[in-house]
Amino acid sequence: MKMDCYKVSPDWLIEIRSPDQSTLDIQHKILHCLSKGTELAWRIDIQRKQIWVWENKELPLVYADNDTRPTLDNISELTVATMMAMTQQR
């Protein structure tokens, strides 16, 4: 899919990496959205139990375990461990 098709970027982008996805493809999408105005982007890597966070074109920070990662608005602060547990629920 071409990135040019996105006319409006979201304020907050969340990408969950699946085993068959290329990390570079996901990061390309994230960087494209950040260049178009996205304020916050997460790349959730369930296998590594990490969340990579980009804020306002800054280099990404990697969060794991009991780290609390940044959110937009007034969303409660969840740890990475809690987020990973939520992905395991069905």
N, C-alpha and C. Protein backbone atom coordinates (compact mmCIF):
# COMPACT_ATOMS: atom_id res chain seq x y z
N MET A 1 0.84 -1.17 0.00
CA MET A 1 0.00 0.00 0.00
C MET A 1 0.89 1.24 0.00
N LYS A 2 0.58 2.19 -0.83
CA LYS A 2 1.35 3.43 -0.88
C LYS A 2 0.97 4.33 0.28
N MET A 3 1.97 4.98 0.85
CA MET A 3 1.71 5.89 1.96
C MET A 3 1.02 7.17 1.48
N ASP A 4 1.11 7.49 0.19
CA ASP A 4 0.49 8.71 -0.33
C ASP A 4 -1.03 8.67 -0.21
N CYS A 5 -1.60 7.49 -0.01
CA CYS A 5 -3.06 7.39 0.03
C CYS A 5 -3.64 7.96 1.33
N TYR A 6 -2.81 8.14 2.37
CA TYR A 6 -3.29 8.69 3.63
C TYR A 6 -3.35 10.21 3.54
N LYS A 7 -4.55 10.76 3.60
CA LYS A 7 -4.71 12.21 3.51
C LYS A 7 -4.59 12.87 4.89
N VAL A 8 -5.00 12.15 5.93
CA VAL A 8 -4.96 12.67 7.29
C VAL A 8 -4.27 11.63 8.17
N SER A 9 -3.33 12.07 8.97
CA SER A 9 -2.66 11.15 9.90
C SER A 9 -3.36 11.18 11.24
N PRO A 10 -3.40 10.05 11.93
CA PRO A 10 -4.04 10.01 13.25
C PRO A 10 -3.18 10.74 14.29
N ASP A 11 -3.81 11.22 15.36
CA ASP A 11 -3.06 11.83 16.46
C ASP A 11 -2.19 10.78 17.14
N TRP A 12 -2.72 9.56 17.25
CA TRP A 12 -2.05 8.47 17.95
C TRP A 12 -2.12 7.21 17.08
N LEU A 13 -0.97 6.68 16.74
CA LEU A 13 -0.89 5.49 15.89
C LEU A 13 -0.39 4.33 16.74
N ILE A 14 -1.08 3.21 16.68
CA ILE A 14 -0.66 2.01 17.41
C ILE A 14 -0.54 0.87 16.40
N GLU A 15 0.64 0.31 16.30
CA GLU A 15 0.90 -0.81 15.40
C GLU A 15 1.32 -2.00 16.24
N ILE A 16 0.65 -3.14 16.05
CA ILE A 16 1.01 -4.37 16.74
C ILE A 16 1.72 -5.25 15.74
N ARG A 17 2.98 -5.55 16.02
CA ARG A 17 3.80 -6.33 15.09
C ARG A 17 3.44 -7.80 15.18
N SER A 18 3.12 -8.38 14.03
CA SER A 18 2.90 -9.81 13.96
C SER A 18 4.19 -10.46 13.46
N PRO A 19 4.37 -11.75 13.71
CA PRO A 19 5.63 -12.42 13.34
C PRO A 19 5.98 -12.31 11.86
N ASP A 20 4.99 -12.22 10.98
CA ASP A 20 5.28 -12.17 9.55
C ASP A 20 5.46 -10.74 9.01
N GLN A 21 5.37 -9.73 9.87
CA GLN A 21 5.53 -8.35 9.44
C GLN A 21 6.98 -7.91 9.52
N SER A 22 7.36 -7.10 8.57
CA SER A 22 8.69 -6.51 8.57
C SER A 22 8.72 -5.31 9.53
N THR A 23 9.69 -5.31 10.43
CA THR A 23 9.85 -4.19 11.35
C THR A 23 10.10 -2.90 10.57
N LEU A 24 10.87 -2.99 9.49
CA LEU A 24 11.16 -1.80 8.69
C LEU A 24 9.91 -1.23 8.04
N ASP A 25 9.00 -2.09 7.58
CA ASP A 25 7.75 -1.61 6.99
C ASP A 25 6.91 -0.87 8.03
N ILE A 26 6.84 -1.42 9.23
CA ILE A 26 6.07 -0.77 10.29
C ILE A 26 6.70 0.58 10.64
N GLN A 27 8.02 0.61 10.79
CA GLN A 27 8.70 1.86 11.13
C GLN A 27 8.55 2.89 10.02
N HIS A 28 8.55 2.45 8.77
CA HIS A 28 8.33 3.37 7.65
C HIS A 28 6.96 4.02 7.77
N LYS A 29 5.94 3.22 8.07
CA LYS A 29 4.59 3.75 8.24
C LYS A 29 4.54 4.74 9.40
N ILE A 30 5.18 4.39 10.52
CA ILE A 30 5.19 5.27 11.69
C ILE A 30 5.87 6.59 11.35
N LEU A 31 7.05 6.52 10.73
CA LEU A 31 7.78 7.75 10.39
C LEU A 31 7.00 8.61 9.39
N HIS A 32 6.31 7.97 8.47
CA HIS A 32 5.48 8.72 7.52
C HIS A 32 4.39 9.48 8.27
N CYS A 33 3.69 8.79 9.17
CA CYS A 33 2.61 9.44 9.92
C CYS A 33 3.15 10.56 10.80
N LEU A 34 4.30 10.34 11.44
CA LEU A 34 4.90 11.39 12.27
C LEU A 34 5.23 12.62 11.42
N SER A 35 5.69 12.40 10.20
CA SER A 35 6.03 13.53 9.33
C SER A 35 4.79 14.28 8.87
N LYS A 36 3.62 13.64 8.99
CA LYS A 36 2.36 14.26 8.58
C LYS A 36 1.54 14.79 9.74
N GLY A 37 2.11 14.73 10.96
CA GLY A 37 1.41 15.34 12.09
C GLY A 37 1.00 14.43 13.23
N THR A 38 1.25 13.14 13.12
CA THR A 38 0.93 12.24 14.23
C THR A 38 1.78 12.64 15.44
N GLU A 39 1.14 12.73 16.62
CA GLU A 39 1.83 13.18 17.84
C GLU A 39 2.52 12.04 18.59
N LEU A 40 1.91 10.86 18.54
CA LEU A 40 2.40 9.74 19.34
C LEU A 40 2.21 8.45 18.55
N ALA A 41 3.25 7.62 18.52
CA ALA A 41 3.15 6.33 17.83
C ALA A 41 3.74 5.24 18.71
N TRP A 42 3.05 4.10 18.74
CA TRP A 42 3.53 2.93 19.45
C TRP A 42 3.74 1.81 18.45
N ARG A 43 4.80 1.05 18.64
CA ARG A 43 4.98 -0.22 17.94
C ARG A 43 5.04 -1.28 19.02
N ILE A 44 4.01 -2.09 19.10
CA ILE A 44 3.92 -3.11 20.14
C ILE A 44 4.51 -4.41 19.58
N ASP A 45 5.50 -4.93 20.27
CA ASP A 45 6.14 -6.18 19.87
C ASP A 45 5.83 -7.22 20.96
N ILE A 46 4.83 -8.04 20.68
CA ILE A 46 4.36 -9.01 21.67
C ILE A 46 5.42 -10.06 21.96
N GLN A 47 6.14 -10.50 20.93
CA GLN A 47 7.16 -11.54 21.13
C GLN A 47 8.27 -11.07 22.08
N ARG A 48 8.70 -9.82 21.93
CA ARG A 48 9.77 -9.29 22.79
C ARG A 48 9.24 -8.62 24.04
N LYS A 49 7.92 -8.50 24.13
CA LYS A 49 7.26 -7.85 25.27
C LYS A 49 7.79 -6.42 25.47
N GLN A 50 7.78 -5.68 24.36
CA GLN A 50 8.26 -4.29 24.35
C GLN A 50 7.26 -3.40 23.62
N ILE A 51 7.27 -2.13 24.01
CA ILE A 51 6.54 -1.11 23.25
C ILE A 51 7.54 -0.02 22.91
N TRP A 52 7.70 0.23 21.61
CA TRP A 52 8.55 1.30 21.12
C TRP A 52 7.65 2.53 20.97
N VAL A 53 8.11 3.66 21.49
CA VAL A 53 7.27 4.87 21.48
C VAL A 53 8.02 6.02 20.82
N TRP A 54 7.35 6.61 19.82
CA TRP A 54 7.84 7.83 19.17
C TRP A 54 6.91 8.96 19.58
N GLU A 55 7.50 10.09 19.98
CA GLU A 55 6.72 11.28 20.29
C GLU A 55 7.26 12.45 19.49
N ASN A 56 6.38 13.06 18.71
CA ASN A 56 6.71 14.30 17.99
C ASN A 56 8.06 14.27 17.28
N LYS A 57 8.31 13.29 16.45
CA LYS A 57 9.51 13.21 15.63
C LYS A 57 10.79 12.95 16.42
N GLU A 58 10.68 12.64 17.71
CA GLU A 58 11.86 12.29 18.50
C GLU A 58 12.26 10.85 18.20
N LEU A 59 13.49 10.48 18.54
CA LEU A 59 13.90 9.08 18.41
C LEU A 59 13.05 8.23 19.34
N PRO A 60 12.80 6.97 19.00
CA PRO A 60 11.94 6.14 19.84
C PRO A 60 12.59 5.75 21.15
N LEU A 61 11.74 5.58 22.15
CA LEU A 61 12.15 5.03 23.44
C LEU A 61 11.52 3.64 23.54
N VAL A 62 12.23 2.71 24.16
CA VAL A 62 11.73 1.34 24.29
C VAL A 62 11.30 1.12 25.73
N TYR A 63 10.07 0.64 25.89
CA TYR A 63 9.51 0.39 27.22
C TYR A 63 9.27 -1.10 27.37
N ALA A 64 9.47 -1.62 28.59
CA ALA A 64 9.26 -3.05 28.87
C ALA A 64 8.86 -3.23 30.33
N ASP A 65 8.39 -4.42 30.63
CA ASP A 65 8.06 -4.85 32.00
C ASP A 65 7.11 -3.88 32.70
N ASN A 66 7.57 -3.26 33.79
CA ASN A 66 6.71 -2.39 34.58
C ASN A 66 6.84 -0.91 34.22
N ASP A 67 7.47 -0.63 33.06
CA ASP A 67 7.54 0.75 32.59
C ASP A 67 6.13 1.24 32.25
N THR A 68 5.88 2.50 32.56
CA THR A 68 4.63 3.15 32.16
C THR A 68 4.95 4.00 30.95
N ARG A 69 4.24 3.79 29.87
CA ARG A 69 4.54 4.50 28.64
C ARG A 69 3.58 5.67 28.45
N PRO A 70 3.99 6.67 27.68
CA PRO A 70 3.15 7.85 27.48
C PRO A 70 1.91 7.54 26.63
N THR A 71 0.83 8.28 26.93
CA THR A 71 -0.41 8.18 26.17
C THR A 71 -0.88 9.58 25.83
N LEU A 72 -1.90 9.66 25.01
CA LEU A 72 -2.55 10.94 24.75
C LEU A 72 -3.81 11.02 25.61
N ASP A 73 -4.27 12.21 25.83
CA ASP A 73 -5.50 12.47 26.57
C ASP A 73 -5.39 12.02 28.02
N ASN A 74 -6.49 11.56 28.55
CA ASN A 74 -6.56 11.22 29.97
C ASN A 74 -6.71 9.72 30.18
N ILE A 75 -5.94 8.96 29.46
CA ILE A 75 -6.03 7.51 29.56
C ILE A 75 -5.18 7.05 30.74
N SER A 76 -5.71 6.12 31.51
CA SER A 76 -4.98 5.66 32.69
C SER A 76 -3.62 5.10 32.29
N GLU A 77 -2.69 5.22 33.19
CA GLU A 77 -1.33 4.76 32.92
C GLU A 77 -1.26 3.25 33.13
N LEU A 78 -1.02 2.55 32.04
CA LEU A 78 -0.87 1.10 32.09
C LEU A 78 0.59 0.76 31.90
N THR A 79 1.02 -0.29 32.56
CA THR A 79 2.40 -0.74 32.36
C THR A 79 2.46 -1.61 31.11
N VAL A 80 3.67 -1.81 30.62
CA VAL A 80 3.85 -2.67 29.46
C VAL A 80 3.41 -4.10 29.81
N ALA A 81 3.73 -4.56 31.01
CA ALA A 81 3.33 -5.91 31.43
C ALA A 81 1.80 -6.05 31.39
N THR A 82 1.08 -5.05 31.82
CA THR A 82 -0.39 -5.09 31.78
C THR A 82 -0.89 -5.13 30.34
N MET A 83 -0.27 -4.32 29.48
CA MET A 83 -0.64 -4.31 28.07
C MET A 83 -0.41 -5.68 27.43
N MET A 84 0.73 -6.30 27.73
CA MET A 84 1.03 -7.61 27.17
C MET A 84 0.02 -8.65 27.66
N ALA A 85 -0.36 -8.57 28.92
CA ALA A 85 -1.38 -9.48 29.47
C ALA A 85 -2.71 -9.30 28.75
N MET A 86 -3.04 -8.07 28.39
CA MET A 86 -4.29 -7.80 27.68
C MET A 86 -4.29 -8.44 26.29
N THR A 87 -3.12 -8.52 25.66
CA THR A 87 -3.05 -9.13 24.32
C THR A 87 -3.25 -10.64 24.38
N GLN A 88 -3.05 -11.24 25.56
CA GLN A 88 -3.20 -12.68 25.71
C GLN A 88 -4.65 -13.08 26.00
N GLN A 89 -5.48 -12.12 26.41
CA GLN A 89 -6.88 -12.42 26.74
C GLN A 89 -7.68 -12.61 25.46
N ARG A 90 -8.64 -13.46 25.53
CA ARG A 90 -9.55 -13.69 24.39
C ARG A 90 -10.96 -13.63 24.85
